[in-house]
């Protein structure tokens, strides 16, 4: 995620998780299990 998009997401109070990869349902499972962290930039 680039800086302009990140700023827009932050302004909307949307959290961002970066560097994830794999199938969508697997990534959701990892996020809900606390294995993926939100980023601050």
ModelCIF file with pLDDT and N, C-alpha, C, O atoms, coordinates in Angstrom:
data_MODEL
#
_entry.id   MODEL 
#
_entity.id                         1 
_entity.type                       polymer 
_entity.pdbx_number_of_molecules   1 
#
_entity_poly.entity_id                      1 
_entity_poly.type                           'polypeptide(L)' 
_entity_poly.nstd_linkage                   no 
_entity_poly.nstd_monomer                   no 
_entity_poly.pdbx_seq_one_letter_code       
;(UNK)(UNK)(UNK)(UNK)(UNK)(UNK)(UNK)(UNK)(UNK)(UNK)(UNK)(UNK)(UNK)(UNK)(UNK)(UNK)
(UNK)(UNK)(UNK)(UNK)(UNK)(UNK)(UNK)(UNK)(UNK)(UNK)(UNK)(UNK)(UNK)(UNK)(UNK)(UNK)
(UNK)(UNK)(UNK)(UNK)(UNK)(UNK)(UNK)(UNK)(UNK)
;
_entity_poly.pdbx_seq_one_letter_code_can   XXXXXXXXXXXXXXXXXXXXXXXXXXXXXXXXXXXXXXXXX 
_entity_poly.pdbx_strand_id                 A 
#
loop_
_entity_poly_seq.entity_id 
_entity_poly_seq.num 
_entity_poly_seq.mon_id 
_entity_poly_seq.hetero 
1 1  UNK n 
1 2  UNK n 
1 3  UNK n 
1 4  UNK n 
1 5  UNK n 
1 6  UNK n 
1 7  UNK n 
1 8  UNK n 
1 9  UNK n 
1 10 UNK n 
1 11 UNK n 
1 12 UNK n 
1 13 UNK n 
1 14 UNK n 
1 15 UNK n 
1 16 UNK n 
1 17 UNK n 
1 18 UNK n 
1 19 UNK n 
1 20 UNK n 
1 21 UNK n 
1 22 UNK n 
1 23 UNK n 
1 24 UNK n 
1 25 UNK n 
1 26 UNK n 
1 27 UNK n 
1 28 UNK n 
1 29 UNK n 
1 30 UNK n 
1 31 UNK n 
1 32 UNK n 
1 33 UNK n 
1 34 UNK n 
1 35 UNK n 
1 36 UNK n 
1 37 UNK n 
1 38 UNK n 
1 39 UNK n 
1 40 UNK n 
1 41 UNK n 
#
_struct_asym.id          A 
_struct_asym.entity_id   1 
#
loop_
_ma_qa_metric.id 
_ma_qa_metric.mode 
_ma_qa_metric.name 
_ma_qa_metric.software_group_id 
_ma_qa_metric.type 
1 global pLDDT . pLDDT 
2 local  pLDDT . pLDDT 
#
_ma_qa_metric_global.metric_id      1 
_ma_qa_metric_global.metric_value   93.10 
_ma_qa_metric_global.model_id       1 
_ma_qa_metric_global.ordinal_id     1 
#
loop_
_ma_qa_metric_local.label_asym_id 
_ma_qa_metric_local.label_comp_id 
_ma_qa_metric_local.label_seq_id 
_ma_qa_metric_local.metric_id 
_ma_qa_metric_local.metric_value 
_ma_qa_metric_local.model_id 
_ma_qa_metric_local.ordinal_id 
A UNK 1  2 90.00 1 1  
A UNK 2  2 88.00 1 2  
A UNK 3  2 91.00 1 3  
A UNK 4  2 89.00 1 4  
A UNK 5  2 90.00 1 5  
A UNK 6  2 93.00 1 6  
A UNK 7  2 93.00 1 7  
A UNK 8  2 93.00 1 8  
A UNK 9  2 95.00 1 9  
A UNK 10 2 95.00 1 10 
A UNK 11 2 95.00 1 11 
A UNK 12 2 95.00 1 12 
A UNK 13 2 96.00 1 13 
A UNK 14 2 97.00 1 14 
A UNK 15 2 97.00 1 15 
A UNK 16 2 96.00 1 16 
A UNK 17 2 96.00 1 17 
A UNK 18 2 94.00 1 18 
A UNK 19 2 86.00 1 19 
A UNK 20 2 88.00 1 20 
A UNK 21 2 92.00 1 21 
A UNK 22 2 96.00 1 22 
A UNK 23 2 97.00 1 23 
A UNK 24 2 98.00 1 24 
A UNK 25 2 97.00 1 25 
A UNK 26 2 97.00 1 26 
A UNK 27 2 97.00 1 27 
A UNK 28 2 97.00 1 28 
A UNK 29 2 97.00 1 29 
A UNK 30 2 96.00 1 30 
A UNK 31 2 97.00 1 31 
A UNK 32 2 96.00 1 32 
A UNK 33 2 96.00 1 33 
A UNK 34 2 96.00 1 34 
A UNK 35 2 95.00 1 35 
A UNK 36 2 94.00 1 36 
A UNK 37 2 90.00 1 37 
A UNK 38 2 90.00 1 38 
A UNK 39 2 85.00 1 39 
A UNK 40 2 82.00 1 40 
A UNK 41 2 75.00 1 41 
#
loop_
_atom_site.group_PDB 
_atom_site.id 
_atom_site.type_symbol 
_atom_site.label_atom_id 
_atom_site.label_alt_id 
_atom_site.label_comp_id 
_atom_site.label_asym_id 
_atom_site.label_entity_id 
_atom_site.label_seq_id 
_atom_site.pdbx_PDB_ins_code 
_atom_site.Cartn_x 
_atom_site.Cartn_y 
_atom_site.Cartn_z 
_atom_site.occupancy 
_atom_site.B_iso_or_equiv 
_atom_site.pdbx_formal_charge 
_atom_site.auth_seq_id 
_atom_site.auth_comp_id 
_atom_site.auth_asym_id 
_atom_site.auth_atom_id 
_atom_site.pdbx_PDB_model_num 
ATOM 1   N N  . UNK A 1 1  ? 0.851   -1.192  0.000  1.00 90.00 ? 1  UNK A N  1 
ATOM 2   C CA . UNK A 1 1  ? 0.000   0.000   0.000  1.00 90.00 ? 1  UNK A CA 1 
ATOM 3   C C  . UNK A 1 1  ? 0.887   1.242   0.000  1.00 90.00 ? 1  UNK A C  1 
ATOM 4   O O  . UNK A 1 1  ? 1.823   1.348   0.792  1.00 90.00 ? 1  UNK A O  1 
ATOM 5   N N  . UNK A 1 2  ? 0.581   2.182   -0.900 1.00 88.00 ? 2  UNK A N  1 
ATOM 6   C CA . UNK A 1 2  ? 1.336   3.423   -1.000 1.00 88.00 ? 2  UNK A CA 1 
ATOM 7   C C  . UNK A 1 2  ? 0.850   4.488   -0.032 1.00 88.00 ? 2  UNK A C  1 
ATOM 8   O O  . UNK A 1 2  ? -0.172  4.312   0.631  1.00 88.00 ? 2  UNK A O  1 
ATOM 9   N N  . UNK A 1 3  ? 1.584   5.599   0.049  1.00 91.00 ? 3  UNK A N  1 
ATOM 10  C CA . UNK A 1 3  ? 1.279   6.633   1.047  1.00 91.00 ? 3  UNK A CA 1 
ATOM 11  C C  . UNK A 1 3  ? -0.049  7.360   0.854  1.00 91.00 ? 3  UNK A C  1 
ATOM 12  O O  . UNK A 1 3  ? -0.721  7.669   1.838  1.00 91.00 ? 3  UNK A O  1 
ATOM 13  N N  . UNK A 1 4  ? -0.439  7.637   -0.375 1.00 89.00 ? 4  UNK A N  1 
ATOM 14  C CA . UNK A 1 4  ? -1.702  8.355   -0.586 1.00 89.00 ? 4  UNK A CA 1 
ATOM 15  C C  . UNK A 1 4  ? -2.897  7.474   -0.221 1.00 89.00 ? 4  UNK A C  1 
ATOM 16  O O  . UNK A 1 4  ? -3.834  7.926   0.437  1.00 89.00 ? 4  UNK A O  1 
ATOM 17  N N  . UNK A 1 5  ? -2.852  6.222   -0.651 1.00 90.00 ? 5  UNK A N  1 
ATOM 18  C CA . UNK A 1 5  ? -3.926  5.287   -0.294 1.00 90.00 ? 5  UNK A CA 1 
ATOM 19  C C  . UNK A 1 5  ? -3.947  5.061   1.214  1.00 90.00 ? 5  UNK A C  1 
ATOM 20  O O  . UNK A 1 5  ? -5.015  5.038   1.826  1.00 90.00 ? 5  UNK A O  1 
ATOM 21  N N  . UNK A 1 6  ? -2.761  4.894   1.817  1.00 93.00 ? 6  UNK A N  1 
ATOM 22  C CA . UNK A 1 6  ? -2.705  4.655   3.259  1.00 93.00 ? 6  UNK A CA 1 
ATOM 23  C C  . UNK A 1 6  ? -3.307  5.835   4.026  1.00 93.00 ? 6  UNK A C  1 
ATOM 24  O O  . UNK A 1 6  ? -4.056  5.639   4.983  1.00 93.00 ? 6  UNK A O  1 
ATOM 25  N N  . UNK A 1 7  ? -2.979  7.052   3.606  1.00 93.00 ? 7  UNK A N  1 
ATOM 26  C CA . UNK A 1 7  ? -3.523  8.247   4.260  1.00 93.00 ? 7  UNK A CA 1 
ATOM 27  C C  . UNK A 1 7  ? -5.041  8.311   4.147  1.00 93.00 ? 7  UNK A C  1 
ATOM 28  O O  . UNK A 1 7  ? -5.729  8.675   5.101  1.00 93.00 ? 7  UNK A O  1 
ATOM 29  N N  . UNK A 1 8  ? -5.560  7.954   2.968  1.00 93.00 ? 8  UNK A N  1 
ATOM 30  C CA . UNK A 1 8  ? -7.006  7.965   2.757  1.00 93.00 ? 8  UNK A CA 1 
ATOM 31  C C  . UNK A 1 8  ? -7.677  6.907   3.631  1.00 93.00 ? 8  UNK A C  1 
ATOM 32  O O  . UNK A 1 8  ? -8.725  7.162   4.224  1.00 93.00 ? 8  UNK A O  1 
ATOM 33  N N  . UNK A 1 9  ? -7.072  5.720   3.711  1.00 95.00 ? 9  UNK A N  1 
ATOM 34  C CA . UNK A 1 9  ? -7.610  4.663   4.567  1.00 95.00 ? 9  UNK A CA 1 
ATOM 35  C C  . UNK A 1 9  ? -7.573  5.090   6.037  1.00 95.00 ? 9  UNK A C  1 
ATOM 36  O O  . UNK A 1 9  ? -8.540  4.880   6.770  1.00 95.00 ? 9  UNK A O  1 
ATOM 37  N N  . UNK A 1 10 ? -6.470  5.682   6.461  1.00 95.00 ? 10 UNK A N  1 
ATOM 38  C CA . UNK A 1 10 ? -6.337  6.122   7.853  1.00 95.00 ? 10 UNK A CA 1 
ATOM 39  C C  . UNK A 1 10 ? -7.377  7.193   8.186  1.00 95.00 ? 10 UNK A C  1 
ATOM 40  O O  . UNK A 1 10 ? -7.951  7.187   9.275  1.00 95.00 ? 10 UNK A O  1 
ATOM 41  N N  . UNK A 1 11 ? -7.615  8.103   7.253  1.00 95.00 ? 11 UNK A N  1 
ATOM 42  C CA . UNK A 1 11 ? -8.614  9.152   7.479  1.00 95.00 ? 11 UNK A CA 1 
ATOM 43  C C  . UNK A 1 11 ? -10.011 8.558   7.656  1.00 95.00 ? 11 UNK A C  1 
ATOM 44  O O  . UNK A 1 11 ? -10.845 9.112   8.372  1.00 95.00 ? 11 UNK A O  1 
ATOM 45  N N  . UNK A 1 12 ? -10.256 7.424   6.993  1.00 95.00 ? 12 UNK A N  1 
ATOM 46  C CA . UNK A 1 12 ? -11.550 6.732   7.100  1.00 95.00 ? 12 UNK A CA 1 
ATOM 47  C C  . UNK A 1 12 ? -11.570 5.748   8.275  1.00 95.00 ? 12 UNK A C  1 
ATOM 48  O O  . UNK A 1 12 ? -12.549 5.029   8.477  1.00 95.00 ? 12 UNK A O  1 
ATOM 49  N N  . UNK A 1 13 ? -10.480 5.728   9.047  1.00 96.00 ? 13 UNK A N  1 
ATOM 50  C CA . UNK A 1 13 ? -10.343 4.834   10.204 1.00 96.00 ? 13 UNK A CA 1 
ATOM 51  C C  . UNK A 1 13 ? -10.391 3.357   9.809  1.00 96.00 ? 13 UNK A C  1 
ATOM 52  O O  . UNK A 1 13 ? -10.927 2.522   10.537 1.00 96.00 ? 13 UNK A O  1 
ATOM 53  N N  . UNK A 1 14 ? -9.817  3.055   8.639  1.00 97.00 ? 14 UNK A N  1 
ATOM 54  C CA . UNK A 1 14 ? -9.720  1.675   8.156  1.00 97.00 ? 14 UNK A CA 1 
ATOM 55  C C  . UNK A 1 14 ? -8.319  1.169   8.485  1.00 97.00 ? 14 UNK A C  1 
ATOM 56  O O  . UNK A 1 14 ? -7.325  1.783   8.098  1.00 97.00 ? 14 UNK A O  1 
ATOM 57  N N  . UNK A 1 15 ? -8.246  0.059   9.193  1.00 97.00 ? 15 UNK A N  1 
ATOM 58  C CA . UNK A 1 15 ? -6.967  -0.560  9.553  1.00 97.00 ? 15 UNK A CA 1 
ATOM 59  C C  . UNK A 1 15 ? -6.380  -1.244  8.325  1.00 97.00 ? 15 UNK A C  1 
ATOM 60  O O  . UNK A 1 15 ? -7.115  -1.695  7.447  1.00 97.00 ? 15 UNK A O  1 
ATOM 61  N N  . UNK A 1 16 ? -5.048  -1.318  8.269  1.00 96.00 ? 16 UNK A N  1 
ATOM 62  C CA . UNK A 1 16 ? -4.362  -1.912  7.118  1.00 96.00 ? 16 UNK A CA 1 
ATOM 63  C C  . UNK A 1 16 ? -3.412  -3.002  7.591  1.00 96.00 ? 16 UNK A C  1 
ATOM 64  O O  . UNK A 1 16 ? -2.638  -2.809  8.529  1.00 96.00 ? 16 UNK A O  1 
ATOM 65  N N  . UNK A 1 17 ? -3.482  -4.148  6.928  1.00 96.00 ? 17 UNK A N  1 
ATOM 66  C CA . UNK A 1 17 ? -2.571  -5.264  7.156  1.00 96.00 ? 17 UNK A CA 1 
ATOM 67  C C  . UNK A 1 17 ? -1.820  -5.477  5.856  1.00 96.00 ? 17 UNK A C  1 
ATOM 68  O O  . UNK A 1 17 ? -2.436  -5.664  4.807  1.00 96.00 ? 17 UNK A O  1 
ATOM 69  N N  . UNK A 1 18 ? -0.474  -5.450  5.913  1.00 94.00 ? 18 UNK A N  1 
ATOM 70  C CA . UNK A 1 18 ? 0.350   -5.579  4.721  1.00 94.00 ? 18 UNK A CA 1 
ATOM 71  C C  . UNK A 1 18 ? 1.151   -6.872  4.723  1.00 94.00 ? 18 UNK A C  1 
ATOM 72  O O  . UNK A 1 18 ? 1.255   -7.561  5.738  1.00 94.00 ? 18 UNK A O  1 
ATOM 73  N N  . UNK A 1 19 ? 1.711   -7.184  3.565  1.00 86.00 ? 19 UNK A N  1 
ATOM 74  C CA . UNK A 1 19 ? 2.620   -8.312  3.356  1.00 86.00 ? 19 UNK A CA 1 
ATOM 75  C C  . UNK A 1 19 ? 1.940   -9.664  3.495  1.00 86.00 ? 19 UNK A C  1 
ATOM 76  O O  . UNK A 1 19 ? 2.613   -10.671 3.715  1.00 86.00 ? 19 UNK A O  1 
ATOM 77  N N  . UNK A 1 20 ? 0.634   -9.706  3.373  1.00 88.00 ? 20 UNK A N  1 
ATOM 78  C CA . UNK A 1 20 ? -0.078  -10.985 3.412  1.00 88.00 ? 20 UNK A CA 1 
ATOM 79  C C  . UNK A 1 20 ? -0.033  -11.617 2.029  1.00 88.00 ? 20 UNK A C  1 
ATOM 80  O O  . UNK A 1 20 ? 0.056   -10.916 1.021  1.00 88.00 ? 20 UNK A O  1 
ATOM 81  N N  . UNK A 1 21 ? -0.095  -12.935 1.983  1.00 92.00 ? 21 UNK A N  1 
ATOM 82  C CA . UNK A 1 21 ? -0.166  -13.640 0.709  1.00 92.00 ? 21 UNK A CA 1 
ATOM 83  C C  . UNK A 1 21 ? -0.842  -14.982 0.897  1.00 92.00 ? 21 UNK A C  1 
ATOM 84  O O  . UNK A 1 21 ? -0.881  -15.522 2.003  1.00 92.00 ? 21 UNK A O  1 
ATOM 85  N N  . UNK A 1 22 ? -1.379  -15.520 -0.203 1.00 96.00 ? 22 UNK A N  1 
ATOM 86  C CA . UNK A 1 22 ? -2.084  -16.790 -0.172 1.00 96.00 ? 22 UNK A CA 1 
ATOM 87  C C  . UNK A 1 22 ? -3.503  -16.634 -0.688 1.00 96.00 ? 22 UNK A C  1 
ATOM 88  O O  . UNK A 1 22 ? -3.851  -15.618 -1.289 1.00 96.00 ? 22 UNK A O  1 
ATOM 89  N N  . UNK A 1 23 ? -4.302  -17.635 -0.452 1.00 97.00 ? 23 UNK A N  1 
ATOM 90  C CA . UNK A 1 23 ? -5.709  -17.590 -0.859 1.00 97.00 ? 23 UNK A CA 1 
ATOM 91  C C  . UNK A 1 23 ? -6.486  -16.715 0.130  1.00 97.00 ? 23 UNK A C  1 
ATOM 92  O O  . UNK A 1 23 ? -6.174  -16.667 1.320  1.00 97.00 ? 23 UNK A O  1 
ATOM 93  N N  . UNK A 1 24 ? -7.497  -16.031 -0.390 1.00 98.00 ? 24 UNK A N  1 
ATOM 94  C CA . UNK A 1 24 ? -8.274  -15.084 0.408  1.00 98.00 ? 24 UNK A CA 1 
ATOM 95  C C  . UNK A 1 24 ? -8.777  -15.717 1.696  1.00 98.00 ? 24 UNK A C  1 
ATOM 96  O O  . UNK A 1 24 ? -8.575  -15.153 2.770  1.00 98.00 ? 24 UNK A O  1 
ATOM 97  N N  . UNK A 1 25 ? -9.432  -16.883 1.618  1.00 97.00 ? 25 UNK A N  1 
ATOM 98  C CA . UNK A 1 25 ? -10.011 -17.496 2.817  1.00 97.00 ? 25 UNK A CA 1 
ATOM 99  C C  . UNK A 1 25 ? -8.942  -17.909 3.828  1.00 97.00 ? 25 UNK A C  1 
ATOM 100 O O  . UNK A 1 25 ? -9.187  -17.873 5.034  1.00 97.00 ? 25 UNK A O  1 
ATOM 101 N N  . UNK A 1 26 ? -7.762  -18.300 3.349  1.00 97.00 ? 26 UNK A N  1 
ATOM 102 C CA . UNK A 1 26 ? -6.682  -18.666 4.263  1.00 97.00 ? 26 UNK A CA 1 
ATOM 103 C C  . UNK A 1 26 ? -6.153  -17.430 4.992  1.00 97.00 ? 26 UNK A C  1 
ATOM 104 O O  . UNK A 1 26 ? -5.855  -17.482 6.185  1.00 97.00 ? 26 UNK A O  1 
ATOM 105 N N  . UNK A 1 27 ? -6.041  -16.330 4.265  1.00 97.00 ? 27 UNK A N  1 
ATOM 106 C CA . UNK A 1 27 ? -5.545  -15.085 4.853  1.00 97.00 ? 27 UNK A CA 1 
ATOM 107 C C  . UNK A 1 27 ? -6.525  -14.563 5.902  1.00 97.00 ? 27 UNK A C  1 
ATOM 108 O O  . UNK A 1 27 ? -6.105  -14.098 6.962  1.00 97.00 ? 27 UNK A O  1 
ATOM 109 N N  . UNK A 1 28 ? -7.818  -14.636 5.619  1.00 97.00 ? 28 UNK A N  1 
ATOM 110 C CA . UNK A 1 28 ? -8.824  -14.225 6.596  1.00 97.00 ? 28 UNK A CA 1 
ATOM 111 C C  . UNK A 1 28 ? -8.690  -15.067 7.862  1.00 97.00 ? 28 UNK A C  1 
ATOM 112 O O  . UNK A 1 28 ? -8.739  -14.536 8.971  1.00 97.00 ? 28 UNK A O  1 
ATOM 113 N N  . UNK A 1 29 ? -8.522  -16.357 7.699  1.00 97.00 ? 29 UNK A N  1 
ATOM 114 C CA . UNK A 1 29 ? -8.355  -17.244 8.847  1.00 97.00 ? 29 UNK A CA 1 
ATOM 115 C C  . UNK A 1 29 ? -7.145  -16.873 9.685  1.00 97.00 ? 29 UNK A C  1 
ATOM 116 O O  . UNK A 1 29 ? -7.213  -16.874 10.914 1.00 97.00 ? 29 UNK A O  1 
ATOM 117 N N  . UNK A 1 30 ? -6.036  -16.556 9.026  1.00 96.00 ? 30 UNK A N  1 
ATOM 118 C CA . UNK A 1 30 ? -4.821  -16.159 9.751  1.00 96.00 ? 30 UNK A CA 1 
ATOM 119 C C  . UNK A 1 30 ? -5.026  -14.829 10.480 1.00 96.00 ? 30 UNK A C  1 
ATOM 120 O O  . UNK A 1 30 ? -4.546  -14.645 11.598 1.00 96.00 ? 30 UNK A O  1 
ATOM 121 N N  . UNK A 1 31 ? -5.743  -13.905 9.837  1.00 97.00 ? 31 UNK A N  1 
ATOM 122 C CA . UNK A 1 31 ? -6.002  -12.608 10.478 1.00 97.00 ? 31 UNK A CA 1 
ATOM 123 C C  . UNK A 1 31 ? -6.880  -12.795 11.715 1.00 97.00 ? 31 UNK A C  1 
ATOM 124 O O  . UNK A 1 31 ? -6.579  -12.252 12.778 1.00 97.00 ? 31 UNK A O  1 
ATOM 125 N N  . UNK A 1 32 ? -7.945  -13.550 11.582 1.00 96.00 ? 32 UNK A N  1 
ATOM 126 C CA . UNK A 1 32 ? -8.855  -13.764 12.706 1.00 96.00 ? 32 UNK A CA 1 
ATOM 127 C C  . UNK A 1 32 ? -8.191  -14.538 13.851 1.00 96.00 ? 32 UNK A C  1 
ATOM 128 O O  . UNK A 1 32 ? -8.586  -14.402 15.009 1.00 96.00 ? 32 UNK A O  1 
ATOM 129 N N  . UNK A 1 33 ? -7.182  -15.348 13.519 1.00 96.00 ? 33 UNK A N  1 
ATOM 130 C CA . UNK A 1 33 ? -6.438  -16.093 14.544 1.00 96.00 ? 33 UNK A CA 1 
ATOM 131 C C  . UNK A 1 33 ? -5.353  -15.236 15.192 1.00 96.00 ? 33 UNK A C  1 
ATOM 132 O O  . UNK A 1 33 ? -4.643  -15.705 16.081 1.00 96.00 ? 33 UNK A O  1 
ATOM 133 N N  . UNK A 1 34 ? -5.220  -13.978 14.752 1.00 96.00 ? 34 UNK A N  1 
ATOM 134 C CA . UNK A 1 34 ? -4.234  -13.077 15.332 1.00 96.00 ? 34 UNK A CA 1 
ATOM 135 C C  . UNK A 1 34 ? -2.827  -13.255 14.783 1.00 96.00 ? 34 UNK A C  1 
ATOM 136 O O  . UNK A 1 34 ? -1.866  -12.794 15.399 1.00 96.00 ? 34 UNK A O  1 
ATOM 137 N N  . UNK A 1 35 ? -2.688  -13.913 13.637 1.00 95.00 ? 35 UNK A N  1 
ATOM 138 C CA . UNK A 1 35 ? -1.373  -14.172 13.064 1.00 95.00 ? 35 UNK A CA 1 
ATOM 139 C C  . UNK A 1 35 ? -0.874  -13.055 12.146 1.00 95.00 ? 35 UNK A C  1 
ATOM 140 O O  . UNK A 1 35 ? 0.293   -13.057 11.754 1.00 95.00 ? 35 UNK A O  1 
ATOM 141 N N  . UNK A 1 36 ? -1.738  -12.109 11.800 1.00 94.00 ? 36 UNK A N  1 
ATOM 142 C CA . UNK A 1 36 ? -1.353  -10.991 10.941 1.00 94.00 ? 36 UNK A CA 1 
ATOM 143 C C  . UNK A 1 36 ? -1.549  -9.691  11.705 1.00 94.00 ? 36 UNK A C  1 
ATOM 144 O O  . UNK A 1 36 ? -2.575  -9.494  12.357 1.00 94.00 ? 36 UNK A O  1 
ATOM 145 N N  . UNK A 1 37 ? -0.572  -8.812  11.623 1.00 90.00 ? 37 UNK A N  1 
ATOM 146 C CA . UNK A 1 37 ? -0.606  -7.564  12.377 1.00 90.00 ? 37 UNK A CA 1 
ATOM 147 C C  . UNK A 1 37 ? -0.932  -6.368  11.492 1.00 90.00 ? 37 UNK A C  1 
ATOM 148 O O  . UNK A 1 37 ? -0.581  -6.327  10.313 1.00 90.00 ? 37 UNK A O  1 
ATOM 149 N N  . UNK A 1 38 ? -1.601  -5.412  12.083 1.00 90.00 ? 38 UNK A N  1 
ATOM 150 C CA . UNK A 1 38 ? -1.885  -4.151  11.396 1.00 90.00 ? 38 UNK A CA 1 
ATOM 151 C C  . UNK A 1 38 ? -0.591  -3.351  11.302 1.00 90.00 ? 38 UNK A C  1 
ATOM 152 O O  . UNK A 1 38 ? 0.317   -3.522  12.115 1.00 90.00 ? 38 UNK A O  1 
ATOM 153 N N  . UNK A 1 39 ? -0.518  -2.481  10.307 1.00 85.00 ? 39 UNK A N  1 
ATOM 154 C CA . UNK A 1 39 ? 0.665   -1.650  10.114 1.00 85.00 ? 39 UNK A CA 1 
ATOM 155 C C  . UNK A 1 39 ? 0.348   -0.197  10.427 1.00 85.00 ? 39 UNK A C  1 
ATOM 156 O O  . UNK A 1 39 ? -0.817  0.199   10.476 1.00 85.00 ? 39 UNK A O  1 
ATOM 157 N N  . UNK A 1 40 ? 1.381   0.584   10.637 1.00 82.00 ? 40 UNK A N  1 
ATOM 158 C CA . UNK A 1 40 ? 1.171   1.996   10.950 1.00 82.00 ? 40 UNK A CA 1 
ATOM 159 C C  . UNK A 1 40 ? 1.655   2.920   9.838  1.00 82.00 ? 40 UNK A C  1 
ATOM 160 O O  . UNK A 1 40 ? 1.756   4.131   10.036 1.00 82.00 ? 40 UNK A O  1 
ATOM 161 N N  . UNK A 1 41 ? 1.957   2.351   8.661  1.00 75.00 ? 41 UNK A N  1 
ATOM 162 C CA . UNK A 1 41 ? 2.387   3.190   7.550  1.00 75.00 ? 41 UNK A CA 1 
ATOM 163 C C  . UNK A 1 41 ? 2.481   2.416   6.249  1.00 75.00 ? 41 UNK A C  1 
ATOM 164 O O  . UNK A 1 41 ? 2.832   2.985   5.216  1.00 75.00 ? 41 UNK A O  1 
#
